[in-house]
Amino acid sequence: MEPFEHKFENYKIIATEISVSFNTFSFIVYSENEIFNNSDFSNKLGWLNILIFSISLTFSLALDSYS
């Protein structure tokens, strides 16, 4: 028994939760200037956050359009 009518809704929720969890963890790492004081690393991590968020939004939009 699934909580949602469409199985793609479950996939969307799982993918969104994983990406939000990853971004939250990486924001915590990003904010620790004492440990990671490398600006090149910080820039790459920031762009990775933007990429993950964009992929999450695109994935959600694609599944919403499909269903």
C-alpha atoms as a PDB file:
ATOM      1  CA  MET A   1       0.000   0.000   0.000  1.00  0.00           C
ATOM      2  CA  GLU A   2       1.616   3.218  -1.172  1.00  0.00           C
ATOM      3  CA  PRO A   3       0.801   6.614   0.280  1.00  0.00           C
ATOM      4  CA  PHE A   4       0.516   8.222  -3.155  1.00  0.00           C
ATOM      5  CA  GLU A   5      -1.496   7.240  -6.189  1.00  0.00           C
ATOM      6  CA  HIS A   6       1.348   7.584  -8.688  1.00  0.00           C
ATOM      7  CA  LYS A   7       4.600   5.720  -8.115  1.00  0.00           C
ATOM      8  CA  PHE A   8       6.555   8.573  -9.718  1.00  0.00           C
ATOM      9  CA  GLU A   9       5.473  10.806  -6.841  1.00  0.00           C
ATOM     10  CA  ASN A  10       7.391   8.536  -4.464  1.00  0.00           C
ATOM     11  CA  TYR A  11      10.506   8.770  -6.661  1.00  0.00           C
ATOM     12  CA  LYS A  12      10.208  12.538  -6.776  1.00  0.00           C
ATOM     13  CA  ILE A  13       9.948  12.809  -2.996  1.00  0.00           C
ATOM     14  CA  ILE A  14      12.910  10.487  -2.431  1.00  0.00           C
ATOM     15  CA  ALA A  15      15.111  12.317  -4.947  1.00  0.00           C
ATOM     16  CA  THR A  16      14.131  15.703  -3.524  1.00  0.00           C
ATOM     17  CA  GLU A  17      14.846  14.635   0.052  1.00  0.00           C
ATOM     18  CA  ILE A  18      18.252  13.236  -0.906  1.00  0.00           C
ATOM     19  CA  SER A  19      19.239  16.417  -2.739  1.00  0.00           C
ATOM     20  CA  VAL A  20      18.008  18.672   0.077  1.00  0.00           C
ATOM     21  CA  SER A  21      19.900  16.553   2.624  1.00  0.00           C
ATOM     22  CA  PHE A  22      23.082  16.735   0.556  1.00  0.00           C
ATOM     23  CA  ASN A  23      22.748  20.494   0.118  1.00  0.00           C
ATOM     24  CA  THR A  24      22.123  20.979   3.830  1.00  0.00           C
ATOM     25  CA  PHE A  25      25.201  18.957   4.712  1.00  0.00           C
ATOM     26  CA  SER A  26      27.328  20.797   2.173  1.00  0.00           C
ATOM     27  CA  PHE A  27      26.111  24.176   3.499  1.00  0.00           C
ATOM     28  CA  ILE A  28      27.308  23.113   6.949  1.00  0.00           C
ATOM     29  CA  VAL A  29      30.691  22.170   5.498  1.00  0.00           C
ATOM     30  CA  TYR A  30      30.754  25.383   3.477  1.00  0.00           C
ATOM     31  CA  SER A  31      30.154  27.507   6.571  1.00  0.00           C
ATOM     32  CA  GLU A  32      33.094  25.987   8.467  1.00  0.00           C
ATOM     33  CA  ASN A  33      35.761  28.493   7.492  1.00  0.00           C
ATOM     34  CA  GLU A  34      38.188  27.193  10.090  1.00  0.00           C
ATOM     35  CA  ILE A  35      38.344  23.744   8.494  1.00  0.00           C
ATOM     36  CA  PHE A  36      37.969  24.600   4.817  1.00  0.00           C
ATOM     37  CA  ASN A  37      39.546  27.979   4.282  1.00  0.00           C
ATOM     38  CA  ASN A  38      40.251  27.277   0.607  1.00  0.00           C
ATOM     39  CA  SER A  39      38.298  29.664  -1.608  1.00  0.00           C
ATOM     40  CA  ASP A  40      38.664  27.375  -4.641  1.00  0.00           C
ATOM     41  CA  PHE A  41      37.038  24.531  -2.710  1.00  0.00           C
ATOM     42  CA  SER A  42      34.298  26.869  -1.486  1.00  0.00           C
ATOM     43  CA  ASN A  43      33.579  28.058  -5.020  1.00  0.00           C
ATOM     44  CA  LYS A  44      33.348  24.506  -6.348  1.00  0.00           C
ATOM     45  CA  LEU A  45      31.076  23.485  -3.488  1.00  0.00           C
ATOM     46  CA  GLY A  46      28.834  26.483  -4.146  1.00  0.00           C
ATOM     47  CA  TRP A  47      28.510  25.593  -7.809  1.00  0.00           C
ATOM     48  CA  LEU A  48      27.814  21.974  -6.831  1.00  0.00           C
ATOM     49  CA  ASN A  49      24.964  23.206  -4.606  1.00  0.00           C
ATOM     50  CA  ILE A  50      23.515  25.188  -7.495  1.00  0.00           C
ATOM     51  CA  LEU A  51      23.849  22.182  -9.813  1.00  0.00           C
ATOM     52  CA  ILE A  52      22.180  19.759  -7.382  1.00  0.00           C
ATOM     53  CA  PHE A  53      19.331  22.200  -6.729  1.00  0.00           C
ATOM     54  CA  SER A  54      18.809  22.755 -10.471  1.00  0.00           C
ATOM     55  CA  ILE A  55      18.798  19.016 -11.192  1.00  0.00           C
ATOM     56  CA  SER A  56      16.307  18.477  -8.385  1.00  0.00           C
ATOM     57  CA  LEU A  57      13.973  21.123  -9.786  1.00  0.00           C
ATOM     58  CA  THR A  58      14.314  19.759 -13.327  1.00  0.00           C
ATOM     59  CA  PHE A  59      13.661  16.202 -12.133  1.00  0.00           C
ATOM     60  CA  SER A  60      10.550  17.299 -10.235  1.00  0.00           C
ATOM     61  CA  LEU A  61       9.257  19.284 -13.205  1.00  0.00           C
ATOM     62  CA  ALA A  62       9.862  16.368 -15.573  1.00  0.00           C
ATOM     63  CA  LEU A  63       8.000  13.920 -13.333  1.00  0.00           C
ATOM     64  CA  ASP A  64       5.146  16.374 -12.822  1.00  0.00           C
ATOM     65  CA  SER A  65       4.876  16.882 -16.584  1.00  0.00           C
ATOM     66  CA  TYR A  66       4.979  13.139 -17.222  1.00  0.00           C
ATOM     67  CA  SER A  67       2.240  12.335 -14.739  1.00  0.00           C
END
